Amino acid sequence: MPVYKYRSVEEMDAHTWRSPGDPELYRAIRFTWELARRTNPRRFPPGVHKYLSIDEMNRADEQRLDEHVQARLAAKSERPPSGAAAT
């Protein structure tokens, strides 16, 4: 990936915006989604969910978030520390 030197802030936009249909645009989108998937692999249940009230929906969202956080913490504790030798 090239390194660019800018003389002003306005010059920065020239390298980040891509036009529709540009293959680089699709590569950038793929890279962004892959990075998000690796850094925070949160999954949402498929389909449409109906709730009787906003409070019920908020409780369900909080429960899913809590489950996600617990799963991430469990996955983190299962990994060996950095620099530890694998046996």
Protein backbone atom coordinates (compact mmCIF):
# COMPACT_ATOMS: atom_id res chain seq x y z
CA MET A 1 0.00 0.00 0.00
CA PRO A 2 1.52 3.34 -0.99
CA VAL A 3 2.24 6.11 1.51
CA TYR A 4 1.08 9.59 0.52
CA LYS A 5 2.41 12.94 1.74
CA TYR A 6 -0.15 15.75 1.83
CA ARG A 7 0.38 19.50 1.81
CA SER A 8 -3.18 20.23 2.95
CA VAL A 9 -6.24 18.47 4.32
CA GLU A 10 -8.09 18.95 1.01
CA GLU A 11 -5.57 16.68 -0.74
CA MET A 12 -6.45 13.76 1.55
CA ASP A 13 -9.86 13.14 -0.02
CA ALA A 14 -8.35 12.50 -3.45
CA HIS A 15 -7.15 9.00 -2.48
CA THR A 16 -10.05 7.80 -0.35
CA TRP A 17 -13.11 8.33 -2.54
CA ARG A 18 -13.86 5.81 -5.23
CA SER A 19 -16.46 6.01 -7.95
CA PRO A 20 -19.26 3.43 -8.26
CA GLY A 21 -18.18 0.40 -10.27
CA ASP A 22 -14.48 0.90 -9.50
CA PRO A 23 -12.92 -2.49 -8.57
CA GLU A 24 -10.93 -0.73 -5.83
CA LEU A 25 -14.21 0.28 -4.21
CA TYR A 26 -15.27 -3.37 -3.89
CA ARG A 27 -11.86 -4.35 -2.52
CA ALA A 28 -12.07 -1.56 0.07
CA ILE A 29 -15.58 -2.64 1.10
CA ARG A 30 -14.49 -6.28 1.36
CA PHE A 31 -11.48 -5.30 3.48
CA THR A 32 -13.64 -3.17 5.80
CA TRP A 33 -16.23 -5.91 6.31
CA GLU A 34 -13.54 -8.54 6.89
CA LEU A 35 -11.81 -6.33 9.45
CA ALA A 36 -15.11 -5.74 11.26
CA ARG A 37 -15.90 -9.47 11.22
CA ARG A 38 -12.49 -10.35 12.70
CA THR A 39 -12.40 -7.62 15.33
CA ASN A 40 -16.00 -7.89 16.52
CA PRO A 41 -17.77 -11.00 15.22
CA ARG A 42 -21.23 -10.06 16.48
CA ARG A 43 -24.07 -11.99 14.91
CA PHE A 44 -27.70 -10.97 14.85
CA PRO A 45 -30.56 -13.44 14.68
CA PRO A 46 -32.03 -13.61 11.18
CA GLY A 47 -35.57 -12.58 10.40
CA VAL A 48 -38.03 -10.01 11.60
CA HIS A 49 -38.77 -9.90 15.31
CA LYS A 50 -41.94 -8.37 16.70
CA TYR A 51 -42.18 -7.00 20.20
CA LEU A 52 -45.18 -5.92 22.25
CA SER A 53 -43.44 -2.74 23.40
CA ILE A 54 -40.27 -0.70 23.08
CA ASP A 55 -39.27 -1.86 26.57
CA GLU A 56 -39.50 -5.51 25.51
CA MET A 57 -37.38 -4.78 22.44
CA ASN A 58 -34.80 -2.92 24.54
CA ARG A 59 -34.60 -5.85 27.00
CA ALA A 60 -34.07 -8.30 24.13
CA ASP A 61 -31.34 -6.07 22.67
CA GLU A 62 -29.62 -5.78 26.04
CA GLN A 63 -29.78 -9.55 26.51
CA ARG A 64 -28.22 -10.17 23.08
CA LEU A 65 -25.51 -7.62 23.82
CA ASP A 66 -24.78 -9.23 27.21
CA GLU A 67 -24.55 -12.66 25.56
CA HIS A 68 -22.17 -11.24 22.95
CA VAL A 69 -19.93 -9.64 25.58
CA GLN A 70 -19.85 -12.85 27.63
CA ALA A 71 -18.96 -14.89 24.54
CA ARG A 72 -16.14 -12.46 23.66
CA LEU A 73 -14.78 -12.59 27.21
CA ALA A 74 -14.93 -16.39 27.20
CA ALA A 75 -13.13 -16.53 23.85
CA LYS A 76 -10.49 -14.12 25.11
CA SER A 77 -9.85 -16.16 28.25
CA GLU A 78 -9.46 -19.36 26.17
CA ARG A 79 -6.61 -17.88 24.11
CA PRO A 80 -3.06 -18.38 25.36
CA PRO A 81 -1.28 -15.16 26.34
CA SER A 82 0.85 -13.48 23.68
CA GLY A 83 4.32 -14.94 23.46
CA ALA A 84 3.33 -18.14 25.26
CA ALA A 85 4.58 -21.33 23.69
CA ALA A 86 1.90 -23.61 22.31
CA THR A 87 2.07 -27.19 23.47
